[in-house]
């Protein structure tokens, strides 16, 4: 694959009987780059189903790794808002 560094990683934690963590990759994108960088959005949308969190330490933590649609107020707001609604 190609190198990719998302602009933002949102890390959320919920403490209960076990610690749950979500790592969410978010990439804002200007209209002029949405089609050019479509491969990045495709990758972000595949993360949830294909990513496997590697446990370095023995613990009972649950990790989820998600990628969201590109953030773009004019062209992707509905999709991004739906992604955020899943939280």
N, C-alpha and C. Protein backbone atom coordinates (compact mmCIF):
# COMPACT_ATOMS: atom_id res chain seq x y z
N UNK A 1 0.80 -1.17 0.00
CA UNK A 1 0.00 0.00 0.00
C UNK A 1 0.86 1.25 0.00
N UNK A 2 0.18 2.35 -0.13
CA UNK A 2 0.84 3.66 -0.11
C UNK A 2 0.86 4.23 1.30
N UNK A 3 1.79 5.09 1.53
CA UNK A 3 1.91 5.75 2.83
C UNK A 3 0.74 6.70 3.03
N UNK A 4 0.22 6.72 4.27
CA UNK A 4 -0.93 7.55 4.57
C UNK A 4 -0.86 7.97 6.03
N UNK A 5 -0.98 9.26 6.26
CA UNK A 5 -0.96 9.81 7.62
C UNK A 5 -2.21 10.67 7.79
N UNK A 6 -3.25 10.13 8.49
CA UNK A 6 -4.47 10.93 8.67
C UNK A 6 -4.17 12.18 9.49
N UNK A 7 -4.94 13.24 9.23
CA UNK A 7 -4.72 14.49 9.94
C UNK A 7 -5.11 14.41 11.41
N UNK A 8 -6.14 13.63 11.72
CA UNK A 8 -6.62 13.56 13.10
C UNK A 8 -6.87 12.11 13.50
N UNK A 9 -6.56 11.80 14.74
CA UNK A 9 -6.94 10.53 15.35
C UNK A 9 -7.70 10.88 16.62
N UNK A 10 -8.97 10.52 16.64
CA UNK A 10 -9.83 10.76 17.79
C UNK A 10 -9.76 9.51 18.65
N UNK A 11 -9.34 9.65 19.90
CA UNK A 11 -9.24 8.51 20.81
C UNK A 11 -10.26 8.70 21.92
N UNK A 12 -11.17 7.74 22.02
CA UNK A 12 -12.22 7.77 23.02
C UNK A 12 -12.08 6.56 23.94
N UNK A 13 -12.33 6.77 25.22
CA UNK A 13 -12.25 5.69 26.20
C UNK A 13 -13.51 5.64 27.03
N UNK A 14 -13.88 4.44 27.41
CA UNK A 14 -15.03 4.24 28.28
C UNK A 14 -14.63 3.21 29.33
N UNK A 15 -14.68 3.61 30.58
CA UNK A 15 -14.29 2.72 31.66
C UNK A 15 -15.52 2.04 32.24
N UNK A 16 -15.51 0.75 32.26
CA UNK A 16 -16.57 -0.06 32.87
C UNK A 16 -15.88 -1.23 33.53
N UNK A 17 -16.48 -2.41 33.43
CA UNK A 17 -15.80 -3.60 33.93
C UNK A 17 -14.49 -3.81 33.18
N UNK A 18 -14.50 -3.44 31.91
CA UNK A 18 -13.28 -3.45 31.11
C UNK A 18 -13.16 -2.10 30.43
N UNK A 19 -11.97 -1.75 30.06
CA UNK A 19 -11.72 -0.48 29.36
C UNK A 19 -11.98 -0.68 27.88
N UNK A 20 -12.86 0.13 27.30
CA UNK A 20 -13.11 0.11 25.87
C UNK A 20 -12.48 1.35 25.26
N UNK A 21 -11.79 1.17 24.15
CA UNK A 21 -11.17 2.30 23.47
C UNK A 21 -11.53 2.27 21.99
N UNK A 22 -11.77 3.45 21.44
CA UNK A 22 -11.99 3.60 20.01
C UNK A 22 -10.93 4.56 19.47
N UNK A 23 -10.29 4.15 18.43
CA UNK A 23 -9.33 4.99 17.73
C UNK A 23 -9.93 5.26 16.36
N UNK A 24 -10.24 6.53 16.09
CA UNK A 24 -10.96 6.90 14.88
C UNK A 24 -10.09 7.82 14.03
N UNK A 25 -9.84 7.41 12.80
CA UNK A 25 -9.02 8.20 11.88
C UNK A 25 -9.93 9.13 11.09
N UNK A 26 -9.59 10.43 11.13
CA UNK A 26 -10.40 11.46 10.47
C UNK A 26 -9.51 12.28 9.54
N UNK A 27 -10.00 12.48 8.32
CA UNK A 27 -9.23 13.20 7.31
C UNK A 27 -10.10 14.27 6.65
N UNK A 28 -9.87 15.56 6.96
CA UNK A 28 -10.57 16.61 6.22
C UNK A 28 -9.97 16.69 4.81
N UNK A 29 -10.83 17.00 3.85
CA UNK A 29 -10.34 17.00 2.47
C UNK A 29 -11.05 18.09 1.68
N UNK A 30 -10.29 18.91 1.00
CA UNK A 30 -10.86 19.94 0.12
C UNK A 30 -11.52 19.30 -1.09
N UNK A 31 -12.52 20.00 -1.64
CA UNK A 31 -13.27 19.47 -2.78
C UNK A 31 -12.36 19.05 -3.93
N UNK A 32 -11.32 19.82 -4.16
CA UNK A 32 -10.44 19.55 -5.30
C UNK A 32 -9.61 18.27 -5.12
N UNK A 33 -9.58 17.71 -3.92
CA UNK A 33 -8.78 16.51 -3.67
C UNK A 33 -9.60 15.25 -3.39
N UNK A 34 -10.91 15.37 -3.30
CA UNK A 34 -11.73 14.22 -2.93
C UNK A 34 -11.57 13.08 -3.93
N UNK A 35 -11.68 13.34 -5.20
CA UNK A 35 -11.53 12.26 -6.20
C UNK A 35 -10.08 11.79 -6.30
N UNK A 36 -9.14 12.72 -6.24
CA UNK A 36 -7.73 12.36 -6.35
C UNK A 36 -7.30 11.44 -5.22
N UNK A 37 -7.83 11.66 -4.02
CA UNK A 37 -7.45 10.87 -2.85
C UNK A 37 -8.51 9.84 -2.46
N UNK A 38 -9.30 9.42 -3.43
CA UNK A 38 -10.36 8.45 -3.16
C UNK A 38 -9.80 7.17 -2.53
N UNK A 39 -8.60 6.77 -2.91
CA UNK A 39 -8.00 5.56 -2.35
C UNK A 39 -7.84 5.69 -0.83
N UNK A 40 -7.60 6.91 -0.33
CA UNK A 40 -7.48 7.12 1.12
C UNK A 40 -8.83 6.90 1.80
N UNK A 41 -9.89 7.45 1.21
CA UNK A 41 -11.21 7.28 1.80
C UNK A 41 -11.61 5.80 1.77
N UNK A 42 -11.31 5.12 0.68
CA UNK A 42 -11.60 3.68 0.60
C UNK A 42 -10.87 2.93 1.72
N UNK A 43 -9.62 3.28 1.93
CA UNK A 43 -8.84 2.66 3.01
C UNK A 43 -9.47 2.94 4.38
N UNK A 44 -9.83 4.20 4.61
CA UNK A 44 -10.44 4.57 5.90
C UNK A 44 -11.71 3.76 6.15
N UNK A 45 -12.50 3.55 5.12
CA UNK A 45 -13.77 2.85 5.28
C UNK A 45 -13.58 1.34 5.44
N UNK A 46 -12.43 0.82 5.07
CA UNK A 46 -12.13 -0.60 5.25
C UNK A 46 -11.57 -0.93 6.62
N UNK A 47 -11.07 0.08 7.31
CA UNK A 47 -10.37 -0.17 8.58
C UNK A 47 -11.23 -0.91 9.59
N UNK A 48 -12.46 -0.50 9.75
CA UNK A 48 -13.31 -1.07 10.79
C UNK A 48 -13.42 -2.59 10.67
N UNK A 49 -13.58 -3.09 9.46
CA UNK A 49 -13.78 -4.52 9.27
C UNK A 49 -12.49 -5.32 9.13
N UNK A 50 -11.41 -4.66 8.75
CA UNK A 50 -10.18 -5.40 8.48
C UNK A 50 -9.06 -5.19 9.50
N UNK A 51 -9.15 -4.13 10.30
CA UNK A 51 -8.06 -3.84 11.23
C UNK A 51 -8.12 -4.78 12.43
N UNK A 52 -6.97 -5.22 12.86
CA UNK A 52 -6.86 -6.05 14.05
C UNK A 52 -5.90 -5.33 14.99
N UNK A 53 -6.42 -4.96 16.15
CA UNK A 53 -5.57 -4.27 17.13
C UNK A 53 -4.56 -5.26 17.70
N UNK A 54 -3.31 -4.86 17.73
CA UNK A 54 -2.25 -5.70 18.26
C UNK A 54 -2.09 -5.41 19.75
N UNK A 55 -2.20 -6.45 20.55
CA UNK A 55 -2.04 -6.26 21.99
C UNK A 55 -0.57 -6.47 22.35
N UNK A 56 0.01 -5.44 22.88
CA UNK A 56 1.40 -5.52 23.31
C UNK A 56 1.46 -6.01 24.75
N UNK A 57 0.51 -5.55 25.54
CA UNK A 57 0.46 -5.92 26.95
C UNK A 57 -0.74 -6.82 27.18
N UNK A 58 -0.65 -7.70 28.15
CA UNK A 58 -1.77 -8.56 28.48
C UNK A 58 -2.76 -7.73 29.28
N UNK A 59 -3.96 -7.57 28.75
CA UNK A 59 -5.00 -6.82 29.44
C UNK A 59 -6.36 -7.24 28.90
N UNK A 60 -7.39 -6.71 29.50
CA UNK A 60 -8.74 -7.03 29.07
C UNK A 60 -9.34 -5.91 28.24
N UNK A 61 -8.52 -5.03 27.72
CA UNK A 61 -9.02 -3.90 26.96
C UNK A 61 -9.63 -4.33 25.64
N UNK A 62 -10.70 -3.64 25.27
CA UNK A 62 -11.31 -3.83 23.96
C UNK A 62 -10.96 -2.62 23.11
N UNK A 63 -10.41 -2.86 21.94
CA UNK A 63 -10.02 -1.78 21.04
C UNK A 63 -10.85 -1.86 19.77
N UNK A 64 -11.29 -0.71 19.30
CA UNK A 64 -11.94 -0.61 18.00
C UNK A 64 -11.18 0.41 17.19
N UNK A 65 -10.96 0.09 15.95
CA UNK A 65 -10.25 1.00 15.05
C UNK A 65 -11.19 1.30 13.90
N UNK A 66 -11.52 2.57 13.73
CA UNK A 66 -12.46 3.00 12.70
C UNK A 66 -11.85 4.06 11.81
N UNK A 67 -12.32 4.13 10.61
CA UNK A 67 -12.02 5.23 9.70
C UNK A 67 -13.34 5.82 9.23
N UNK A 68 -13.37 7.10 9.06
CA UNK A 68 -14.59 7.80 8.65
C UNK A 68 -14.46 8.32 7.23
N UNK A 69 -15.62 8.63 6.62
CA UNK A 69 -15.62 9.32 5.34
C UNK A 69 -14.82 10.62 5.50
N UNK A 70 -14.29 11.12 4.39
CA UNK A 70 -13.62 12.41 4.43
C UNK A 70 -14.55 13.46 5.04
N UNK A 71 -13.97 14.37 5.79
CA UNK A 71 -14.76 15.51 6.26
C UNK A 71 -14.66 16.60 5.21
N UNK A 72 -15.81 16.98 4.66
CA UNK A 72 -15.91 18.11 3.75
C UNK A 72 -17.32 18.65 3.92
N UNK A 73 -17.41 19.88 4.36
CA UNK A 73 -18.70 20.49 4.69
C UNK A 73 -19.68 20.49 3.52
N UNK A 74 -19.19 20.67 2.30
CA UNK A 74 -20.07 20.78 1.15
C UNK A 74 -20.39 19.45 0.47
N UNK A 75 -19.44 18.53 0.46
CA UNK A 75 -19.63 17.31 -0.33
C UNK A 75 -19.79 16.03 0.49
N UNK A 76 -19.35 16.01 1.74
CA UNK A 76 -19.38 14.76 2.52
C UNK A 76 -20.00 14.93 3.90
N UNK A 77 -20.69 16.02 4.15
CA UNK A 77 -21.19 16.28 5.50
C UNK A 77 -22.20 15.24 5.97
N UNK A 78 -23.12 14.81 5.10
CA UNK A 78 -24.10 13.81 5.51
C UNK A 78 -23.45 12.49 5.90
N UNK A 79 -22.48 12.05 5.10
CA UNK A 79 -21.80 10.80 5.40
C UNK A 79 -20.99 10.92 6.68
N UNK A 80 -20.27 12.04 6.84
CA UNK A 80 -19.45 12.23 8.03
C UNK A 80 -20.33 12.32 9.28
N UNK A 81 -21.45 13.03 9.18
CA UNK A 81 -22.36 13.15 10.33
C UNK A 81 -22.93 11.79 10.70
N UNK A 82 -23.23 10.96 9.72
CA UNK A 82 -23.71 9.60 10.01
C UNK A 82 -22.63 8.78 10.71
N UNK A 83 -21.38 8.95 10.27
CA UNK A 83 -20.27 8.26 10.95
C UNK A 83 -20.17 8.70 12.41
N UNK A 84 -20.24 10.01 12.63
CA UNK A 84 -20.15 10.53 14.01
C UNK A 84 -21.35 10.08 14.85
N UNK A 85 -22.51 9.92 14.22
CA UNK A 85 -23.71 9.47 14.92
C UNK A 85 -23.57 8.06 15.48
N UNK A 86 -22.65 7.28 14.96
CA UNK A 86 -22.45 5.92 15.45
C UNK A 86 -21.77 5.88 16.81
N UNK A 87 -21.17 7.01 17.20
CA UNK A 87 -20.49 7.02 18.49
C UNK A 87 -21.53 6.95 19.57
